[in-house]
């Protein structure tokens, strides 16, 4: 599935992943391929990307075990048809 992580300043990530885990307002949740369409607000926490194949990766992603991680202060996620866009700070 394709994921883009965007901030007002730059593209943090644009590529394919096996899974993405985000900090939702009711707790952390994970999306895999063919996940139902969703729009959600995001809270302060970490975006975790698993098994990435990227077109664009910022050096702001860090390694945390098998995940590439990006800390956020909050944001919005839109996901549908195996494509997700995360707008965050």
PDB file of N, CA and C in Angstrom:
ATOM      1  N   UNK A   1       0.836  -1.172   0.000  1.00  0.00           N
ATOM      2  CA  UNK A   1       0.000   0.000   0.000  1.00  0.00           C
ATOM      3  C   UNK A   1       0.883   1.238   0.000  1.00  0.00           C
ATOM      4  N   UNK A   2       0.362   2.305  -0.559  1.00  0.00           N
ATOM      5  CA  UNK A   2       1.143   3.534  -0.685  1.00  0.00           C
ATOM      6  C   UNK A   2       0.805   4.496   0.454  1.00  0.00           C
ATOM      7  N   UNK A   3       1.857   5.060   1.053  1.00  0.00           N
ATOM      8  CA  UNK A   3       1.690   6.019   2.139  1.00  0.00           C
ATOM      9  C   UNK A   3       2.517   7.263   1.836  1.00  0.00           C
ATOM     10  N   UNK A   4       1.915   8.424   2.105  1.00  0.00           N
ATOM     11  CA  UNK A   4       2.633   9.692   2.050  1.00  0.00           C
ATOM     12  C   UNK A   4       2.517  10.351   3.412  1.00  0.00           C
ATOM     13  N   UNK A   5       3.653  10.847   3.918  1.00  0.00           N
ATOM     14  CA  UNK A   5       3.666  11.631   5.146  1.00  0.00           C
ATOM     15  C   UNK A   5       4.131  13.029   4.757  1.00  0.00           C
ATOM     16  N   UNK A   6       3.258  14.011   4.996  1.00  0.00           N
ATOM     17  CA  UNK A   6       3.540  15.384   4.583  1.00  0.00           C
ATOM     18  C   UNK A   6       3.469  16.327   5.772  1.00  0.00           C
ATOM     19  N   UNK A   7       4.407  17.279   5.825  1.00  0.00           N
ATOM     20  CA  UNK A   7       4.353  18.377   6.783  1.00  0.00           C
ATOM     21  C   UNK A   7       4.250  19.665   5.974  1.00  0.00           C
ATOM     22  N   UNK A   8       3.988  20.788   6.614  1.00  0.00           N
ATOM     23  CA  UNK A   8       3.957  22.045   5.862  1.00  0.00           C
ATOM     24  C   UNK A   8       5.294  22.371   5.182  1.00  0.00           C
ATOM     25  N   UNK A   9       6.382  21.830   5.705  1.00  0.00           N
ATOM     26  CA  UNK A   9       7.706  22.139   5.187  1.00  0.00           C
ATOM     27  C   UNK A   9       8.217  21.172   4.134  1.00  0.00           C
ATOM     28  N   UNK A  10       7.849  19.887   4.234  1.00  0.00           N
ATOM     29  CA  UNK A  10       8.469  18.900   3.344  1.00  0.00           C
ATOM     30  C   UNK A  10       7.692  17.590   3.271  1.00  0.00           C
ATOM     31  N   UNK A  11       8.073  16.780   2.298  1.00  0.00           N
ATOM     32  CA  UNK A  11       7.585  15.404   2.196  1.00  0.00           C
ATOM     33  C   UNK A  11       8.518  14.549   3.049  1.00  0.00           C
ATOM     34  N   UNK A  12       7.971  13.931   4.081  1.00  0.00           N
ATOM     35  CA  UNK A  12       8.771  13.088   4.972  1.00  0.00           C
ATOM     36  C   UNK A  12       8.928  11.693   4.378  1.00  0.00           C
ATOM     37  N   UNK A  13       7.850  11.183   3.771  1.00  0.00           N
ATOM     38  CA  UNK A  13       7.886   9.839   3.204  1.00  0.00           C
ATOM     39  C   UNK A  13       6.891   9.747   2.060  1.00  0.00           C
ATOM     40  N   UNK A  14       7.268   9.034   1.011  1.00  0.00           N
ATOM     41  CA  UNK A  14       6.381   8.755  -0.118  1.00  0.00           C
ATOM     42  C   UNK A  14       6.807   7.410  -0.679  1.00  0.00           C
ATOM     43  N   UNK A  15       6.031   6.370  -0.383  1.00  0.00           N
ATOM     44  CA  UNK A  15       6.420   5.051  -0.867  1.00  0.00           C
ATOM     45  C   UNK A  15       5.477   3.958  -0.435  1.00  0.00           C
ATOM     46  N   UNK A  16       5.915   2.723  -0.657  1.00  0.00           N
ATOM     47  CA  UNK A  16       5.134   1.524  -0.347  1.00  0.00           C
ATOM     48  C   UNK A  16       5.542   0.961   1.009  1.00  0.00           C
ATOM     49  N   UNK A  17       4.548   0.490   1.768  1.00  0.00           N
ATOM     50  CA  UNK A  17       4.793  -0.141   3.062  1.00  0.00           C
ATOM     51  C   UNK A  17       3.898  -1.373   3.199  1.00  0.00           C
ATOM     52  N   UNK A  18       4.268  -2.253   4.120  1.00  0.00           N
ATOM     53  CA  UNK A  18       3.431  -3.403   4.457  1.00  0.00           C
ATOM     54  C   UNK A  18       2.392  -2.986   5.489  1.00  0.00           C
ATOM     55  N   UNK A  19       2.801  -2.134   6.443  1.00  0.00           N
ATOM     56  CA  UNK A  19       1.863  -1.651   7.460  1.00  0.00           C
ATOM     57  C   UNK A  19       2.269  -0.263   7.924  1.00  0.00           C
ATOM     58  N   UNK A  20       1.278   0.469   8.447  1.00  0.00           N
ATOM     59  CA  UNK A  20       1.533   1.764   9.071  1.00  0.00           C
ATOM     60  C   UNK A  20       0.747   1.792  10.374  1.00  0.00           C
ATOM     61  N   UNK A  21       1.399   2.261  11.430  1.00  0.00           N
ATOM     62  CA  UNK A  21       0.772   2.380  12.739  1.00  0.00           C
ATOM     63  C   UNK A  21       0.797   3.849  13.123  1.00  0.00           C
ATOM     64  N   UNK A  22      -0.346   4.367  13.583  1.00  0.00           N
ATOM     65  CA  UNK A  22      -0.464   5.791  13.895  1.00  0.00           C
ATOM     66  C   UNK A  22      -1.116   5.986  15.255  1.00  0.00           C
ATOM     67  N   UNK A  23      -0.851   7.148  15.893  1.00  0.00           N
ATOM     68  CA  UNK A  23      -1.464   7.458  17.189  1.00  0.00           C
ATOM     69  C   UNK A  23      -2.816   8.149  17.010  1.00  0.00           C
ATOM     70  N   UNK A  24      -3.896   7.406  17.016  1.00  0.00           N
ATOM     71  CA  UNK A  24      -5.235   7.980  16.879  1.00  0.00           C
ATOM     72  C   UNK A  24      -5.709   8.620  18.169  1.00  0.00           C
ATOM     73  N   UNK A  25      -6.805   9.333  18.099  1.00  0.00           N
ATOM     74  CA  UNK A  25      -7.330  10.024  19.281  1.00  0.00           C
ATOM     75  C   UNK A  25      -7.845   9.046  20.345  1.00  0.00           C
ATOM     76  N   UNK A  26      -8.186   7.816  19.948  1.00  0.00           N
ATOM     77  CA  UNK A  26      -8.641   6.791  20.901  1.00  0.00           C
ATOM     78  C   UNK A  26      -7.571   5.738  21.172  1.00  0.00           C
ATOM     79  N   UNK A  27      -6.349   5.992  20.686  1.00  0.00           N
ATOM     80  CA  UNK A  27      -5.252   5.046  20.884  1.00  0.00           C
ATOM     81  C   UNK A  27      -4.584   4.691  19.566  1.00  0.00           C
ATOM     82  N   UNK A  28      -3.470   4.000  19.674  1.00  0.00           N
ATOM     83  CA  UNK A  28      -2.695   3.610  18.505  1.00  0.00           C
ATOM     84  C   UNK A  28      -3.453   2.568  17.676  1.00  0.00           C
ATOM     85  N   UNK A  29      -3.401   2.690  16.329  1.00  0.00           N
ATOM     86  CA  UNK A  29      -3.999   1.674  15.479  1.00  0.00           C
ATOM     87  C   UNK A  29      -3.138   1.444  14.242  1.00  0.00           C
ATOM     88  N   UNK A  30      -3.284   0.256  13.680  1.00  0.00           N
ATOM     89  CA  UNK A  30      -2.466  -0.177  12.548  1.00  0.00           C
ATOM     90  C   UNK A  30      -3.346  -0.420  11.329  1.00  0.00           C
ATOM     91  N   UNK A  31      -2.806  -0.109  10.152  1.00  0.00           N
ATOM     92  CA  UNK A  31      -3.494  -0.388   8.902  1.00  0.00           C
ATOM     93  C   UNK A  31      -2.622  -1.294   8.049  1.00  0.00           C
ATOM     94  N   UNK A  32      -3.250  -2.294   7.478  1.00  0.00           N
ATOM     95  CA  UNK A  32      -2.608  -3.217   6.553  1.00  0.00           C
ATOM     96  C   UNK A  32      -3.286  -3.065   5.196  1.00  0.00           C
ATOM     97  N   UNK A  33      -2.768  -3.749   4.190  1.00  0.00           N
ATOM     98  CA  UNK A  33      -3.366  -3.706   2.859  1.00  0.00           C
ATOM     99  C   UNK A  33      -4.845  -4.071   2.929  1.00  0.00           C
ATOM    100  N   UNK A  34      -5.655  -3.392   2.127  1.00  0.00           N
ATOM    101  CA  UNK A  34      -7.103  -3.583   2.043  1.00  0.00           C
ATOM    102  C   UNK A  34      -7.868  -3.169   3.297  1.00  0.00           C
ATOM    103  N   UNK A  35      -7.270  -2.303   4.116  1.00  0.00           N
ATOM    104  CA  UNK A  35      -7.962  -1.753   5.283  1.00  0.00           C
ATOM    105  C   UNK A  35      -9.159  -0.932   4.805  1.00  0.00           C
ATOM    106  N   UNK A  36     -10.206  -0.915   5.561  1.00  0.00           N
ATOM    107  CA  UNK A  36     -11.387  -0.114   5.228  1.00  0.00           C
ATOM    108  C   UNK A  36     -11.010   1.366   5.153  1.00  0.00           C
ATOM    109  N   UNK A  37     -11.730   2.098   4.337  1.00  0.00           N
ATOM    110  CA  UNK A  37     -11.485   3.538   4.216  1.00  0.00           C
ATOM    111  C   UNK A  37     -11.709   4.207   5.567  1.00  0.00           C
ATOM    112  N   UNK A  38     -10.857   5.193   5.870  1.00  0.00           N
ATOM    113  CA  UNK A  38     -10.929   5.862   7.169  1.00  0.00           C
ATOM    114  C   UNK A  38     -10.375   7.276   7.050  1.00  0.00           C
ATOM    115  N   UNK A  39     -10.948   8.168   7.841  1.00  0.00           N
ATOM    116  CA  UNK A  39     -10.399   9.508   8.060  1.00  0.00           C
ATOM    117  C   UNK A  39     -10.321   9.647   9.563  1.00  0.00           C
ATOM    118  N   UNK A  40      -9.153  10.057  10.083  1.00  0.00           N
ATOM    119  CA  UNK A  40      -8.968  10.120  11.524  1.00  0.00           C
ATOM    120  C   UNK A  40      -8.045  11.268  11.901  1.00  0.00           C
ATOM    121  N   UNK A  41      -8.323  11.863  13.058  1.00  0.00           N
ATOM    122  CA  UNK A  41      -7.369  12.814  13.619  1.00  0.00           C
ATOM    123  C   UNK A  41      -6.279  12.006  14.313  1.00  0.00           C
ATOM    124  N   UNK A  42      -5.099  12.587  14.365  1.00  0.00           N
ATOM    125  CA  UNK A  42      -3.960  11.938  15.015  1.00  0.00           C
ATOM    126  C   UNK A  42      -3.486  12.783  16.183  1.00  0.00           C
ATOM    127  N   UNK A  43      -3.037  12.119  17.218  1.00  0.00           N
ATOM    128  CA  UNK A  43      -2.541  12.769  18.421  1.00  0.00           C
ATOM    129  C   UNK A  43      -1.016  12.752  18.439  1.00  0.00           C
ATOM    130  N   UNK A  44      -0.446  13.343  19.465  1.00  0.00           N
ATOM    131  CA  UNK A  44       1.005  13.311  19.643  1.00  0.00           C
ATOM    132  C   UNK A  44       1.452  11.861  19.808  1.00  0.00           C
ATOM    133  N   UNK A  45       2.503  11.489  19.093  1.00  0.00           N
ATOM    134  CA  UNK A  45       3.012  10.126  19.160  1.00  0.00           C
ATOM    135  C   UNK A  45       3.943   9.833  18.009  1.00  0.00           C
ATOM    136  N   UNK A  46       3.968   8.574  17.571  1.00  0.00           N
ATOM    137  CA  UNK A  46       4.878   8.151  16.508  1.00  0.00           C
ATOM    138  C   UNK A  46       4.118   7.477  15.371  1.00  0.00           C
ATOM    139  N   UNK A  47       4.508   7.804  14.139  1.00  0.00           N
ATOM    140  CA  UNK A  47       4.066   7.059  12.971  1.00  0.00           C
ATOM    141  C   UNK A  47       5.108   5.963  12.758  1.00  0.00           C
ATOM    142  N   UNK A  48       4.663   4.709  12.630  1.00  0.00           N
ATOM    143  CA  UNK A  48       5.578   3.588  12.436  1.00  0.00           C
ATOM    144  C   UNK A  48       5.310   2.932  11.084  1.00  0.00           C
ATOM    145  N   UNK A  49       6.335   2.858  10.257  1.00  0.00           N
ATOM    146  CA  UNK A  49       6.234   2.254   8.934  1.00  0.00           C
ATOM    147  C   UNK A  49       6.999   0.942   8.922  1.00  0.00           C
ATOM    148  N   UNK A  50       6.394  -0.115   8.383  1.00  0.00           N
ATOM    149  CA  UNK A  50       7.044  -1.431   8.329  1.00  0.00           C
ATOM    150  C   UNK A  50       7.313  -1.834   6.890  1.00  0.00           C
ATOM    151  N   UNK A  51       8.500  -2.379   6.651  1.00  0.00           N
ATOM    152  CA  UNK A  51       8.907  -2.915   5.346  1.00  0.00           C
ATOM    153  C   UNK A  51       8.713  -1.902   4.236  1.00  0.00           C
ATOM    154  N   UNK A  52       9.464  -0.826   4.310  1.00  0.00           N
ATOM    155  CA  UNK A  52       9.266   0.253   3.356  1.00  0.00           C
ATOM    156  C   UNK A  52      10.009   0.023   2.042  1.00  0.00           C
ATOM    157  N   UNK A  53       9.432   0.537   0.993  1.00  0.00           N
ATOM    158  CA  UNK A  53      10.047   0.620  -0.329  1.00  0.00           C
ATOM    159  C   UNK A  53       9.702   2.026  -0.796  1.00  0.00           C
ATOM    160  N   UNK A  54      10.635   2.961  -0.606  1.00  0.00           N
ATOM    161  CA  UNK A  54      10.263   4.356  -0.732  1.00  0.00           C
ATOM    162  C   UNK A  54      10.734   5.020  -2.005  1.00  0.00           C
ATOM    163  N   UNK A  55       9.967   6.014  -2.410  1.00  0.00           N
ATOM    164  CA  UNK A  55      10.346   6.906  -3.492  1.00  0.00           C
ATOM    165  C   UNK A  55      11.073   8.111  -2.908  1.00  0.00           C
ATOM    166  N   UNK A  56      10.663   8.514  -1.712  1.00  0.00           N
ATOM    167  CA  UNK A  56      11.241   9.682  -1.052  1.00  0.00           C
ATOM    168  C   UNK A  56      11.219   9.457   0.447  1.00  0.00           C
ATOM    169  N   UNK A  57      12.371   9.519   1.083  1.00  0.00           N
ATOM    170  CA  UNK A  57      12.462   9.345   2.530  1.00  0.00           C
ATOM    171  C   UNK A  57      13.305  10.469   3.114  1.00  0.00           C
ATOM    172  N   UNK A  58      12.755  11.150   4.093  1.00  0.00           N
ATOM    173  CA  UNK A  58      13.495  12.193   4.797  1.00  0.00           C
ATOM    174  C   UNK A  58      14.459  11.536   5.772  1.00  0.00           C
ATOM    175  N   UNK A  59      15.541  12.240   6.063  1.00  0.00           N
ATOM    176  CA  UNK A  59      16.479  11.734   7.073  1.00  0.00           C
ATOM    177  C   UNK A  59      15.908  11.905   8.474  1.00  0.00           C
ATOM    178  N   UNK A  60      14.663  12.392   8.579  1.00  0.00           N
ATOM    179  CA  UNK A  60      14.015  12.562   9.877  1.00  0.00           C
ATOM    180  C   UNK A  60      13.362  11.271  10.375  1.00  0.00           C
ATOM    181  N   UNK A  61      13.296  10.236   9.516  1.00  0.00           N
ATOM    182  CA  UNK A  61      12.807   8.929   9.958  1.00  0.00           C
ATOM    183  C   UNK A  61      13.931   8.227  10.713  1.00  0.00           C
ATOM    184  N   UNK A  62      13.600   7.621  11.836  1.00  0.00           N
ATOM    185  CA  UNK A  62      14.604   6.897  12.607  1.00  0.00           C
ATOM    186  C   UNK A  62      14.240   5.410  12.645  1.00  0.00           C
ATOM    187  N   UNK A  63      15.224   4.581  12.947  1.00  0.00           N
ATOM    188  CA  UNK A  63      14.999   3.140  13.069  1.00  0.00           C
ATOM    189  C   UNK A  63      14.566   2.797  14.484  1.00  0.00           C
ATOM    190  N   UNK A  64      13.559   1.945  14.582  1.00  0.00           N
ATOM    191  CA  UNK A  64      13.102   1.437  15.878  1.00  0.00           C
ATOM    192  C   UNK A  64      12.715  -0.024  15.661  1.00  0.00           C
ATOM    193  N   UNK A  65      13.697  -0.904  15.799  1.00  0.00           N
ATOM    194  CA  UNK A  65      13.459  -2.313  15.501  1.00  0.00           C
ATOM    195  C   UNK A  65      13.205  -2.490  14.020  1.00  0.00           C
ATOM    196  N   UNK A  66      12.094  -3.144  13.661  1.00  0.00           N
ATOM    197  CA  UNK A  66      11.775  -3.370  12.253  1.00  0.00           C
ATOM    198  C   UNK A  66      11.032  -2.195  11.618  1.00  0.00           C
ATOM    199  N   UNK A  67      10.814  -1.133  12.377  1.00  0.00           N
ATOM    200  CA  UNK A  67      10.059   0.018  11.896  1.00  0.00           C
ATOM    201  C   UNK A  67      10.945   1.220  11.592  1.00  0.00           C
ATOM    202  N   UNK A  68      10.482   2.057  10.637  1.00  0.00           N
ATOM    203  CA  UNK A  68      10.993   3.412  10.467  1.00  0.00           C
ATOM    204  C   UNK A  68       9.971   4.287  11.180  1.00  0.00           C
ATOM    205  N   UNK A  69      10.436   5.224  11.990  1.00  0.00           N
ATOM    206  CA  UNK A  69       9.554   5.973  12.876  1.00  0.00           C
ATOM    207  C   UNK A  69       9.707   7.472  12.656  1.00  0.00           C
ATOM    208  N   UNK A  70       8.558   8.181  12.739  1.00  0.00           N
ATOM    209  CA  UNK A  70       8.560   9.637  12.660  1.00  0.00           C
ATOM    210  C   UNK A  70       7.653  10.176  13.767  1.00  0.00           C
ATOM    211  N   UNK A  71       8.207  10.995  14.689  1.00  0.00           N
ATOM    212  CA  UNK A  71       7.385  11.557  15.765  1.00  0.00           C
ATOM    213  C   UNK A  71       6.521  12.709  15.254  1.00  0.00           C
ATOM    214  N   UNK A  72       5.285  12.785  15.751  1.00  0.00           N
ATOM    215  CA  UNK A  72       4.390  13.878  15.360  1.00  0.00           C
ATOM    216  C   UNK A  72       3.759  14.528  16.588  1.00  0.00           C
ATOM    217  N   UNK A  73       3.304  15.767  16.413  1.00  0.00           N
ATOM    218  CA  UNK A  73       2.577  16.484  17.463  1.00  0.00           C
ATOM    219  C   UNK A  73       1.076  16.330  17.284  1.00  0.00           C
ATOM    220  N   UNK A  74       0.669  15.940  16.083  1.00  0.00           N
ATOM    221  CA  UNK A  74      -0.745  15.768  15.753  1.00  0.00           C
ATOM    222  C   UNK A  74      -0.906  15.805  14.252  1.00  0.00           C
ATOM    223  N   UNK A  75      -2.115  15.509  13.777  1.00  0.00           N
ATOM    224  CA  UNK A  75      -2.340  15.554  12.346  1.00  0.00           C
ATOM    225  C   UNK A  75      -3.648  14.914  11.935  1.00  0.00           C
ATOM    226  N   UNK A  76      -3.738  14.632  10.634  1.00  0.00           N
ATOM    227  CA  UNK A  76      -4.925  14.025  10.041  1.00  0.00           C
ATOM    228  C   UNK A  76      -4.482  12.922   9.087  1.00  0.00           C
ATOM    229  N   UNK A  77      -5.228  11.825   9.094  1.00  0.00           N
ATOM    230  CA  UNK A  77      -4.971  10.692   8.204  1.00  0.00           C
ATOM    231  C   UNK A  77      -6.195  10.463   7.332  1.00  0.00           C
ATOM    232  N   UNK A  78      -5.966  10.254   6.049  1.00  0.00           N
ATOM    233  CA  UNK A  78      -7.017   9.808   5.144  1.00  0.00           C
ATOM    234  C   UNK A  78      -6.492   8.566   4.443  1.00  0.00           C
ATOM    235  N   UNK A  79      -7.275   7.476   4.490  1.00  0.00           N
ATOM    236  CA  UNK A  79      -6.844   6.217   3.885  1.00  0.00           C
ATOM    237  C   UNK A  79      -8.007   5.594   3.136  1.00  0.00           C
ATOM    238  N   UNK A  80      -7.734   5.110   1.922  1.00  0.00           N
ATOM    239  CA  UNK A  80      -8.727   4.409   1.122  1.00  0.00           C
ATOM    240  C   UNK A  80      -8.090   3.839  -0.121  1.00  0.00           C
ATOM    241  N   UNK A  81      -8.589   2.715  -0.608  1.00  0.00           N
ATOM    242  CA  UNK A  81      -8.058   2.064  -1.816  1.00  0.00           C
ATOM    243  C   UNK A  81      -6.542   1.832  -1.749  1.00  0.00           C
ATOM    244  N   UNK A  82      -6.063   1.407  -0.581  1.00  0.00           N
ATOM    245  CA  UNK A  82      -4.646   1.112  -0.343  1.00  0.00           C
ATOM    246  C   UNK A  82      -3.725   2.306  -0.555  1.00  0.00           C
ATOM    247  N   UNK A  83      -4.258   3.528  -0.340  1.00  0.00           N
ATOM    248  CA  UNK A  83      -3.455   4.749  -0.394  1.00  0.00           C
ATOM    249  C   UNK A  83      -3.771   5.580   0.827  1.00  0.00           C
ATOM    250  N   UNK A  84      -2.717   6.041   1.503  1.00  0.00           N
ATOM    251  CA  UNK A  84      -2.922   6.863   2.691  1.00  0.00           C
ATOM    252  C   UNK A  84      -2.105   8.132   2.615  1.00  0.00           C
ATOM    253  N   UNK A  85      -2.722   9.212   3.068  1.00  0.00           N
ATOM    254  CA  UNK A  85      -2.027  10.495   3.198  1.00  0.00           C
ATOM    255  C   UNK A  85      -2.118  10.928   4.646  1.00  0.00           C
ATOM    256  N   UNK A  86      -0.969  11.254   5.218  1.00  0.00           N
ATOM    257  CA  UNK A  86      -0.896  11.739   6.588  1.00  0.00           C
ATOM    258  C   UNK A  86      -0.365  13.163   6.539  1.00  0.00           C
ATOM    259  N   UNK A  87      -1.178  14.120   7.013  1.00  0.00           N
ATOM    260  CA  UNK A  87      -0.767  15.511   7.115  1.00  0.00           C
ATOM    261  C   UNK A  87      -0.483  15.749   8.600  1.00  0.00           C
ATOM    262  N   UNK A  88       0.741  16.175   8.909  1.00  0.00           N
ATOM    263  CA  UNK A  88       1.102  16.269  10.320  1.00  0.00           C
ATOM    264  C   UNK A  88       2.092  17.386  10.605  1.00  0.00           C
ATOM    265  N   UNK A  89       2.261  17.657  11.892  1.00  0.00           N
ATOM    266  CA  UNK A  89       3.282  18.590  12.408  1.00  0.00           C
ATOM    267  C   UNK A  89       4.351  17.800  13.106  1.00  0.00           C
TER     268      UNK A  89
END
